[in-house]
N, C-alpha and C. Protein backbone atom coordinates (compact mmCIF):
# COMPACT_ATOMS: atom_id res chain seq x y z
N MET A 1 72.77 31.76 33.84
CA MET A 1 72.73 30.70 32.96
C MET A 1 72.02 29.46 33.46
N LYS A 2 72.12 29.25 34.69
CA LYS A 2 71.45 28.10 35.35
C LYS A 2 69.99 28.15 35.11
N PRO A 3 69.24 29.29 35.37
CA PRO A 3 67.82 29.16 35.06
C PRO A 3 67.41 28.92 33.62
N LEU A 4 68.19 29.42 32.67
CA LEU A 4 68.00 29.18 31.30
C LEU A 4 68.13 27.59 30.94
N ALA A 5 69.22 27.03 31.56
CA ALA A 5 69.40 25.57 31.33
C ALA A 5 68.25 24.74 31.83
N LEU A 6 67.81 25.14 33.03
CA LEU A 6 66.69 24.38 33.60
C LEU A 6 65.38 24.57 32.90
N LEU A 7 65.16 25.69 32.25
CA LEU A 7 64.05 26.02 31.40
C LEU A 7 64.06 25.20 30.17
N LEU A 8 65.24 25.08 29.57
CA LEU A 8 65.43 24.35 28.28
C LEU A 8 65.27 22.87 28.66
N LEU A 9 65.81 22.37 29.76
CA LEU A 9 65.59 21.01 30.14
C LEU A 9 64.18 20.68 30.29
N ALA A 10 63.47 21.56 31.02
CA ALA A 10 62.04 21.35 31.27
C ALA A 10 61.25 21.27 30.00
N LEU A 11 61.56 22.21 29.05
CA LEU A 11 60.90 22.21 27.77
C LEU A 11 61.16 20.97 26.94
N SER A 12 62.41 20.49 26.96
CA SER A 12 62.74 19.30 26.17
C SER A 12 62.02 18.09 26.70
N VAL A 13 61.88 17.97 28.00
CA VAL A 13 61.21 16.83 28.58
C VAL A 13 59.72 16.89 28.37
N SER A 14 59.13 17.99 28.32
CA SER A 14 57.66 18.12 28.06
C SER A 14 57.30 17.93 26.67
N CYS A 15 58.21 17.94 25.71
CA CYS A 15 57.97 17.78 24.32
C CYS A 15 57.90 16.24 23.93
N THR A 16 58.29 15.34 24.71
CA THR A 16 58.27 13.94 24.38
C THR A 16 56.87 13.35 24.64
N PRO A 17 56.51 12.49 23.76
CA PRO A 17 55.19 11.85 23.88
C PRO A 17 55.10 10.95 25.12
N VAL A 18 53.93 10.94 25.68
CA VAL A 18 53.72 10.11 26.92
C VAL A 18 53.64 8.67 26.40
N PRO A 19 54.36 7.77 26.99
CA PRO A 19 54.29 6.32 26.55
C PRO A 19 52.86 5.83 26.88
N GLN A 20 52.35 4.97 25.93
CA GLN A 20 51.10 4.37 26.13
C GLN A 20 51.12 3.37 27.29
N TRP A 21 50.05 3.34 27.97
CA TRP A 21 50.04 2.38 29.15
C TRP A 21 49.53 1.07 28.77
N TYR A 22 50.19 0.00 29.11
CA TYR A 22 49.76 -1.31 28.77
C TYR A 22 49.61 -2.15 30.00
N PRO A 23 48.42 -2.90 30.25
CA PRO A 23 48.27 -3.69 31.43
C PRO A 23 49.22 -4.86 31.47
N VAL A 24 49.54 -5.35 32.58
CA VAL A 24 50.29 -6.61 32.72
C VAL A 24 49.46 -7.75 32.09
N PRO A 25 50.09 -8.54 31.30
CA PRO A 25 49.32 -9.68 30.60
C PRO A 25 48.88 -10.63 31.73
N TYR A 26 47.67 -11.28 31.41
CA TYR A 26 47.08 -12.27 32.30
C TYR A 26 48.18 -13.26 32.62
N GLN A 27 48.34 -13.61 33.88
CA GLN A 27 49.34 -14.67 34.31
C GLN A 27 48.72 -15.95 34.70
N ARG A 28 49.21 -16.95 34.10
CA ARG A 28 48.62 -18.28 34.41
C ARG A 28 49.76 -19.20 35.05
N VAL A 29 49.45 -19.86 36.05
CA VAL A 29 50.40 -20.78 36.75
C VAL A 29 50.15 -22.22 36.20
N LEU A 30 51.29 -22.79 35.65
CA LEU A 30 51.15 -24.12 35.16
C LEU A 30 51.14 -25.11 36.44
N THR A 31 50.01 -25.84 36.46
CA THR A 31 49.98 -26.75 37.66
C THR A 31 50.85 -27.96 37.42
N ALA A 32 51.18 -28.70 38.43
CA ALA A 32 52.05 -29.81 38.26
C ALA A 32 51.27 -31.12 37.69
N SER A 33 49.94 -30.95 37.62
CA SER A 33 49.25 -32.09 37.06
C SER A 33 48.80 -32.09 35.71
N ALA A 34 49.23 -31.04 34.98
CA ALA A 34 48.84 -30.83 33.52
C ALA A 34 49.93 -30.34 32.61
N ASP A 35 49.85 -30.60 31.39
CA ASP A 35 50.87 -30.08 30.50
C ASP A 35 50.37 -28.81 29.84
N PRO A 36 51.15 -28.03 29.17
CA PRO A 36 50.76 -26.81 28.59
C PRO A 36 49.55 -26.84 27.59
N ALA A 37 49.35 -28.07 26.93
CA ALA A 37 48.25 -28.24 26.03
C ALA A 37 46.94 -28.53 26.72
N GLY A 38 46.96 -28.70 28.10
CA GLY A 38 45.77 -28.98 28.80
C GLY A 38 45.39 -30.40 29.03
N LEU A 39 46.28 -31.28 28.65
CA LEU A 39 46.01 -32.73 28.88
C LEU A 39 46.34 -33.09 30.29
N GLY A 40 45.66 -34.10 30.86
CA GLY A 40 45.93 -34.69 32.18
C GLY A 40 46.02 -36.18 32.08
N GLU A 41 45.72 -36.81 33.21
CA GLU A 41 45.89 -38.25 33.34
C GLU A 41 44.52 -38.95 32.99
N PHE A 42 43.37 -38.24 33.18
CA PHE A 42 42.05 -38.97 32.99
C PHE A 42 41.12 -37.95 32.43
N PHE A 43 40.12 -38.53 31.60
CA PHE A 43 39.13 -37.56 31.06
C PHE A 43 37.83 -38.31 31.00
N SER A 44 36.75 -37.59 30.88
CA SER A 44 35.43 -38.16 30.65
C SER A 44 34.77 -37.26 29.53
N PHE A 45 33.95 -37.73 28.72
CA PHE A 45 33.37 -36.83 27.70
C PHE A 45 32.43 -35.85 28.26
N SER A 46 32.15 -35.83 29.60
CA SER A 46 31.41 -34.77 30.17
C SER A 46 32.27 -33.54 30.41
N GLN A 47 33.56 -33.65 30.33
CA GLN A 47 34.46 -32.46 30.38
C GLN A 47 34.43 -31.62 29.11
N ARG A 48 34.56 -30.38 29.24
CA ARG A 48 34.54 -29.48 28.11
C ARG A 48 35.72 -29.74 27.08
N ALA A 49 36.95 -30.02 27.65
CA ALA A 49 38.15 -30.21 26.91
C ALA A 49 38.34 -31.71 26.53
N ALA A 50 37.33 -32.50 26.57
CA ALA A 50 37.51 -33.94 26.24
C ALA A 50 38.03 -34.13 24.83
N GLN A 51 37.65 -33.41 23.83
CA GLN A 51 38.18 -33.62 22.49
C GLN A 51 39.63 -33.57 22.33
N GLU A 52 40.32 -32.83 23.29
CA GLU A 52 41.74 -32.71 23.23
C GLU A 52 42.43 -34.04 23.38
N TYR A 53 41.80 -34.97 24.05
CA TYR A 53 42.37 -36.27 24.27
C TYR A 53 42.27 -37.19 23.14
N VAL A 54 41.38 -36.99 22.21
CA VAL A 54 41.08 -37.82 21.07
C VAL A 54 42.19 -37.67 20.03
N VAL A 55 42.67 -38.88 19.61
CA VAL A 55 43.67 -38.81 18.44
C VAL A 55 42.99 -39.41 17.33
N ALA A 56 42.22 -40.56 17.33
CA ALA A 56 41.74 -41.11 16.11
C ALA A 56 40.53 -42.08 16.51
N ASP A 57 39.74 -42.37 15.43
CA ASP A 57 38.73 -43.43 15.54
C ASP A 57 37.69 -43.26 16.62
N ILE A 58 37.36 -42.05 16.98
CA ILE A 58 36.22 -41.72 17.86
C ILE A 58 35.37 -40.73 17.07
N LEU A 59 34.12 -41.06 16.94
CA LEU A 59 33.23 -40.23 16.13
C LEU A 59 32.96 -38.85 16.76
N GLU A 60 32.68 -37.91 15.93
CA GLU A 60 32.42 -36.49 16.43
C GLU A 60 31.09 -36.54 17.16
N GLY A 61 30.95 -35.62 18.10
CA GLY A 61 29.78 -35.52 18.88
C GLY A 61 29.53 -34.01 19.15
N SER A 62 28.42 -33.78 19.86
CA SER A 62 28.18 -32.40 20.26
C SER A 62 28.93 -32.17 21.54
N PRO A 63 29.18 -30.81 21.95
CA PRO A 63 29.92 -30.49 23.16
C PRO A 63 29.14 -30.96 24.46
N ASN A 64 27.84 -31.24 24.34
CA ASN A 64 27.17 -31.62 25.48
C ASN A 64 27.01 -33.21 25.66
N ASP A 65 27.59 -33.93 24.74
CA ASP A 65 27.57 -35.45 24.87
C ASP A 65 28.38 -35.92 26.02
N VAL A 66 27.98 -36.89 26.72
CA VAL A 66 28.75 -37.47 27.80
C VAL A 66 29.37 -38.76 27.36
N TRP A 67 29.22 -39.13 26.20
CA TRP A 67 29.86 -40.31 25.56
C TRP A 67 30.00 -40.17 24.06
N ARG A 68 30.71 -41.04 23.47
CA ARG A 68 30.95 -41.05 22.00
C ARG A 68 31.08 -42.43 21.46
N TRP A 69 30.61 -42.67 20.27
CA TRP A 69 30.76 -43.96 19.54
C TRP A 69 32.22 -43.97 19.14
N THR A 70 32.76 -45.21 19.18
CA THR A 70 34.12 -45.38 18.62
C THR A 70 33.98 -46.30 17.41
N ASN A 71 35.05 -46.27 16.58
CA ASN A 71 35.27 -47.27 15.65
C ASN A 71 36.07 -48.47 16.17
N GLN A 72 36.89 -49.15 15.37
CA GLN A 72 37.47 -50.33 15.90
C GLN A 72 38.74 -50.00 16.68
N TYR A 73 39.49 -48.93 16.40
CA TYR A 73 40.76 -48.59 16.91
C TYR A 73 40.78 -47.25 17.69
N PRO A 74 39.91 -46.98 18.62
CA PRO A 74 39.96 -45.64 19.26
C PRO A 74 41.33 -45.36 19.82
N THR A 75 41.84 -44.18 19.64
CA THR A 75 43.16 -43.82 20.17
C THR A 75 43.02 -42.53 20.92
N LEU A 76 43.72 -42.46 22.11
CA LEU A 76 43.67 -41.35 22.99
C LEU A 76 45.07 -40.93 23.38
N ARG A 77 45.09 -39.62 23.95
CA ARG A 77 46.46 -39.22 24.41
C ARG A 77 46.29 -38.65 25.83
N PHE A 78 47.33 -38.85 26.65
CA PHE A 78 47.30 -38.39 28.01
C PHE A 78 48.67 -37.78 28.37
N PHE A 79 48.66 -37.01 29.40
CA PHE A 79 49.96 -36.39 29.90
C PHE A 79 50.22 -36.90 31.29
N LEU A 80 51.33 -37.61 31.55
CA LEU A 80 51.69 -38.08 32.72
C LEU A 80 53.08 -37.47 33.28
N LEU A 81 53.10 -37.01 34.48
CA LEU A 81 54.33 -36.41 35.02
C LEU A 81 55.42 -37.54 35.35
N GLU A 82 54.95 -38.48 35.98
CA GLU A 82 55.89 -39.57 36.53
C GLU A 82 55.32 -40.96 36.23
N PRO A 83 56.14 -41.94 36.23
CA PRO A 83 55.78 -43.26 35.68
C PRO A 83 55.25 -44.25 36.67
N HIS A 84 55.22 -43.93 37.96
CA HIS A 84 55.00 -44.97 38.97
C HIS A 84 53.52 -44.93 39.53
N ASP A 85 53.00 -46.10 39.86
CA ASP A 85 51.76 -46.34 40.64
C ASP A 85 50.50 -46.00 39.90
N TRP A 86 50.46 -46.28 38.56
CA TRP A 86 49.33 -46.00 37.76
C TRP A 86 48.45 -47.24 37.53
N THR A 87 47.19 -47.09 37.25
CA THR A 87 46.24 -48.03 36.78
C THR A 87 45.55 -47.40 35.49
N PHE A 88 45.46 -48.02 34.45
CA PHE A 88 44.74 -47.46 33.31
C PHE A 88 43.35 -48.08 33.41
N GLN A 89 42.34 -47.10 33.24
CA GLN A 89 40.85 -47.57 33.36
C GLN A 89 40.23 -47.05 32.10
N VAL A 90 39.29 -47.90 31.63
CA VAL A 90 38.38 -47.39 30.51
C VAL A 90 36.87 -47.74 30.92
N ASN A 91 35.98 -46.84 30.75
CA ASN A 91 34.56 -47.04 31.01
C ASN A 91 33.81 -46.91 29.67
N PHE A 92 33.12 -48.00 29.38
CA PHE A 92 32.39 -48.08 28.02
C PHE A 92 31.13 -48.86 28.14
N VAL A 93 30.33 -48.74 27.12
CA VAL A 93 29.04 -49.46 27.09
C VAL A 93 29.00 -50.27 25.67
N LEU A 94 28.56 -51.39 25.72
CA LEU A 94 28.23 -52.16 24.56
C LEU A 94 26.75 -52.08 24.33
N ALA A 95 26.35 -51.36 23.34
CA ALA A 95 24.94 -51.14 23.04
C ALA A 95 24.27 -52.54 22.72
N GLU A 96 23.00 -52.63 23.10
CA GLU A 96 22.20 -53.81 22.91
C GLU A 96 22.11 -54.10 21.31
N SER A 97 21.88 -53.01 20.59
CA SER A 97 21.71 -53.12 19.17
C SER A 97 22.93 -53.62 18.44
N THR A 98 24.10 -53.23 18.92
CA THR A 98 25.34 -53.72 18.21
C THR A 98 25.79 -55.11 18.83
N TRP A 99 25.59 -55.20 20.10
CA TRP A 99 25.96 -56.56 20.75
C TRP A 99 25.25 -57.72 20.11
N LYS A 100 24.00 -57.54 19.69
CA LYS A 100 23.20 -58.60 19.03
C LYS A 100 23.94 -59.14 17.82
N SER A 101 24.70 -58.26 17.13
CA SER A 101 25.40 -58.64 15.94
C SER A 101 26.79 -59.16 16.28
N THR A 102 27.48 -58.56 17.24
CA THR A 102 28.87 -58.90 17.50
C THR A 102 29.11 -59.92 18.56
N GLY A 103 28.13 -60.01 19.58
CA GLY A 103 28.36 -60.86 20.66
C GLY A 103 29.58 -60.31 21.57
N PRO A 104 30.18 -61.21 22.34
CA PRO A 104 31.31 -60.74 23.12
C PRO A 104 32.31 -60.03 22.37
N VAL A 105 32.96 -58.96 22.96
CA VAL A 105 33.98 -58.14 22.23
C VAL A 105 35.19 -58.25 23.10
N ALA A 106 36.30 -58.62 22.44
CA ALA A 106 37.61 -58.56 23.05
C ALA A 106 38.25 -57.25 22.87
N LEU A 107 38.86 -56.79 23.90
CA LEU A 107 39.52 -55.46 23.94
C LEU A 107 41.01 -55.60 24.24
N ARG A 108 41.88 -55.10 23.41
CA ARG A 108 43.29 -55.13 23.58
C ARG A 108 43.80 -53.66 23.82
N VAL A 109 44.60 -53.42 24.79
CA VAL A 109 45.03 -52.11 25.13
C VAL A 109 46.53 -51.92 24.89
N LEU A 110 46.95 -50.92 23.99
CA LEU A 110 48.32 -50.68 23.73
C LEU A 110 48.74 -49.32 24.44
N LEU A 111 49.77 -49.21 25.06
CA LEU A 111 50.25 -48.00 25.67
C LEU A 111 51.62 -47.64 25.02
N ASN A 112 51.62 -46.60 24.33
CA ASN A 112 52.87 -46.16 23.55
C ASN A 112 53.41 -47.28 22.74
N GLY A 113 52.45 -48.00 22.03
CA GLY A 113 52.90 -49.06 21.08
C GLY A 113 53.10 -50.45 21.71
N ARG A 114 53.10 -50.54 23.01
CA ARG A 114 53.26 -51.83 23.63
C ARG A 114 52.05 -52.28 24.42
N GLU A 115 51.82 -53.64 24.33
CA GLU A 115 50.59 -54.18 24.93
C GLU A 115 50.59 -53.93 26.48
N LEU A 116 49.46 -53.38 26.92
CA LEU A 116 49.30 -53.23 28.36
C LEU A 116 48.43 -54.36 28.80
N GLY A 117 47.42 -54.74 28.14
CA GLY A 117 46.51 -55.91 28.57
C GLY A 117 45.36 -56.12 27.69
N GLN A 118 44.53 -57.15 28.10
CA GLN A 118 43.35 -57.60 27.24
C GLN A 118 42.21 -57.82 28.28
N ALA A 119 41.05 -57.76 27.67
CA ALA A 119 39.88 -58.12 28.40
C ALA A 119 38.83 -58.43 27.45
N THR A 120 37.76 -59.13 27.92
CA THR A 120 36.61 -59.42 27.06
C THR A 120 35.31 -58.91 27.82
N ALA A 121 34.56 -58.23 26.98
CA ALA A 121 33.27 -57.76 27.53
C ALA A 121 32.21 -58.90 27.03
N LEU A 122 31.71 -59.57 27.96
CA LEU A 122 30.82 -60.74 27.64
C LEU A 122 29.41 -60.37 27.31
N GLY A 123 29.04 -59.21 27.81
CA GLY A 123 27.54 -58.87 27.61
C GLY A 123 27.38 -57.45 27.26
N GLN A 124 26.13 -57.09 26.93
CA GLN A 124 25.77 -55.72 26.61
C GLN A 124 25.78 -54.99 27.84
N GLY A 125 25.81 -53.60 27.83
CA GLY A 125 25.68 -52.74 28.94
C GLY A 125 26.94 -52.12 29.32
N ARG A 126 27.02 -51.55 30.47
CA ARG A 126 28.13 -50.81 31.00
C ARG A 126 29.29 -51.71 31.51
N HIS A 127 30.50 -51.34 31.12
CA HIS A 127 31.71 -52.02 31.52
C HIS A 127 32.80 -51.10 32.00
N GLU A 128 33.50 -51.52 33.05
CA GLU A 128 34.64 -50.77 33.52
C GLU A 128 35.84 -51.79 33.62
N LYS A 129 36.86 -51.46 32.78
CA LYS A 129 38.07 -52.40 32.85
C LYS A 129 39.29 -51.56 33.25
N SER A 130 40.16 -52.26 33.98
CA SER A 130 41.43 -51.64 34.37
C SER A 130 42.58 -52.47 34.38
N TRP A 131 43.75 -52.00 34.22
CA TRP A 131 44.99 -52.79 34.22
C TRP A 131 46.11 -51.94 34.97
N ALA A 132 46.91 -52.61 35.73
CA ALA A 132 48.12 -52.03 36.41
C ALA A 132 49.03 -51.70 35.32
N VAL A 133 49.74 -50.56 35.44
CA VAL A 133 50.56 -50.02 34.40
C VAL A 133 52.09 -50.27 34.85
N PRO A 134 52.89 -50.94 34.11
CA PRO A 134 54.30 -51.08 34.48
C PRO A 134 55.01 -49.71 34.13
N PRO A 135 55.77 -49.23 35.06
CA PRO A 135 56.43 -47.94 34.86
C PRO A 135 57.24 -47.83 33.62
N ALA A 136 57.82 -48.89 33.07
CA ALA A 136 58.53 -48.95 31.88
C ALA A 136 57.75 -48.55 30.62
N LEU A 137 56.47 -48.65 30.59
CA LEU A 137 55.65 -48.29 29.48
C LEU A 137 55.26 -46.80 29.35
N ILE A 138 55.54 -46.09 30.49
CA ILE A 138 55.01 -44.64 30.55
C ILE A 138 56.23 -43.77 30.15
N LYS A 139 55.94 -42.77 29.40
CA LYS A 139 56.89 -41.68 29.04
C LYS A 139 56.56 -40.53 30.05
N PRO A 140 57.54 -40.24 31.10
CA PRO A 140 57.25 -39.31 32.09
C PRO A 140 57.35 -37.92 31.51
N LYS A 141 56.51 -36.91 32.00
CA LYS A 141 56.58 -35.59 31.50
C LYS A 141 56.38 -35.47 29.98
N ALA A 142 55.51 -36.35 29.46
CA ALA A 142 55.37 -36.35 28.04
C ALA A 142 53.97 -36.95 27.67
N GLU A 143 53.56 -36.78 26.45
CA GLU A 143 52.34 -37.27 25.88
C GLU A 143 52.44 -38.84 25.83
N ASN A 144 51.43 -39.56 26.28
CA ASN A 144 51.39 -41.03 26.21
C ASN A 144 50.16 -41.43 25.42
N ILE A 145 50.37 -42.29 24.47
CA ILE A 145 49.32 -42.68 23.51
C ILE A 145 48.70 -44.07 23.90
N VAL A 146 47.38 -44.10 24.04
CA VAL A 146 46.71 -45.33 24.36
C VAL A 146 45.81 -45.70 23.14
N ARG A 147 46.00 -46.91 22.66
CA ARG A 147 45.13 -47.36 21.46
C ARG A 147 44.32 -48.58 21.98
N LEU A 148 43.01 -48.51 21.84
CA LEU A 148 42.17 -49.51 22.19
C LEU A 148 41.77 -50.31 20.97
N GLU A 149 41.96 -51.66 20.95
CA GLU A 149 41.71 -52.41 19.76
C GLU A 149 40.52 -53.35 20.02
N LEU A 150 39.41 -53.27 19.22
CA LEU A 150 38.26 -54.18 19.42
C LEU A 150 38.42 -55.26 18.39
N ASP A 151 38.15 -56.48 18.68
CA ASP A 151 38.31 -57.55 17.78
C ASP A 151 37.18 -57.61 16.76
N LYS A 152 36.05 -56.95 17.00
CA LYS A 152 34.97 -56.91 16.10
C LYS A 152 34.12 -55.74 16.36
N VAL A 153 33.48 -55.23 15.24
CA VAL A 153 32.60 -54.07 15.33
C VAL A 153 31.31 -54.36 14.60
N PHE A 154 30.33 -53.62 14.94
CA PHE A 154 28.95 -53.62 14.17
C PHE A 154 29.13 -52.86 12.84
N VAL A 155 28.74 -53.50 11.79
CA VAL A 155 28.75 -52.65 10.47
C VAL A 155 27.31 -52.48 10.04
N ALA A 156 26.90 -51.19 10.11
CA ALA A 156 25.59 -50.72 9.78
C ALA A 156 25.20 -51.12 8.36
N PRO A 157 24.07 -51.88 8.23
CA PRO A 157 23.76 -52.28 6.80
C PRO A 157 23.45 -51.12 5.79
N GLY A 158 22.89 -50.11 6.30
CA GLY A 158 22.52 -48.98 5.42
C GLY A 158 23.78 -48.19 4.92
N ASP A 159 24.57 -47.62 5.84
CA ASP A 159 25.64 -46.74 5.31
C ASP A 159 27.00 -47.38 5.55
N GLY A 160 27.11 -48.60 6.14
CA GLY A 160 28.40 -49.22 6.32
C GLY A 160 29.20 -48.62 7.51
N ALA A 161 28.54 -47.82 8.22
CA ALA A 161 29.28 -47.26 9.46
C ALA A 161 29.68 -48.35 10.35
N ARG A 162 30.90 -48.22 10.91
CA ARG A 162 31.57 -49.26 11.79
C ARG A 162 31.45 -48.73 13.15
N LEU A 163 30.65 -49.37 14.07
CA LEU A 163 30.55 -48.96 15.36
C LEU A 163 31.12 -49.91 16.32
N GLY A 164 31.99 -49.47 17.24
CA GLY A 164 32.60 -50.40 18.27
C GLY A 164 31.96 -50.40 19.59
N MET A 165 32.24 -49.39 20.34
CA MET A 165 31.68 -49.24 21.68
C MET A 165 31.36 -47.85 21.93
N ILE A 166 30.55 -47.53 23.01
CA ILE A 166 30.31 -46.23 23.41
C ILE A 166 31.29 -45.92 24.50
N LEU A 167 32.23 -44.99 24.28
CA LEU A 167 33.20 -44.58 25.28
C LEU A 167 32.74 -43.49 26.10
N GLU A 168 32.90 -43.66 27.37
CA GLU A 168 32.45 -42.66 28.39
C GLU A 168 33.57 -41.94 29.03
N ALA A 169 34.66 -42.69 29.36
CA ALA A 169 35.75 -42.15 30.07
C ALA A 169 36.98 -43.08 30.07
N ALA A 170 38.21 -42.51 30.13
CA ALA A 170 39.33 -43.38 30.16
C ALA A 170 40.54 -42.56 30.76
N GLY A 171 41.41 -43.29 31.24
CA GLY A 171 42.70 -42.59 31.63
C GLY A 171 43.41 -43.33 32.74
N PHE A 172 44.32 -42.57 33.38
CA PHE A 172 45.19 -43.16 34.38
C PHE A 172 44.73 -42.65 35.79
N LYS A 173 44.79 -43.57 36.75
CA LYS A 173 44.47 -43.32 38.12
C LYS A 173 45.52 -43.79 38.99
N LYS A 174 45.82 -43.16 40.13
CA LYS A 174 46.83 -43.73 41.00
C LYS A 174 46.27 -44.92 41.69
N GLN A 175 47.17 -45.94 41.97
CA GLN A 175 46.79 -47.13 42.61
C GLN A 175 46.57 -46.89 44.09
């Protein structure tokens, strides 16, 4: 009887379908400096994922652009892990053609709806402005919204396009 039981057991096992083989899914490690959406502390338009930082009032561009025109209230988002020792920096250009119409441009910076600081760009050309960030303004381990407010913009006579500044990079850097 034993050989017959072993034969039946062997036959019953051989009749089941072979399970399909599936590879282990690609494993990614979440780094401590980024959130799952891919946002970080600082970006420049030369980065491939730069569009992820844009919330509003920044004109579309091609993927190869290293800068973008803004309107009057460009808004960006960043992911910060912790609230201490940050400086917010923005790199921009005031084009000669728009500056002739606007003159000096005052820039006001809001972080999460609260004023971070102000500055005035007195001339055309490249500008880099920065402000120390009080820890109380930062939402740790969360998305932080920065709104740049320009006091005046160039209004194109032909199509009425409102051009503010040429934004190259912005974000948070450790002090």
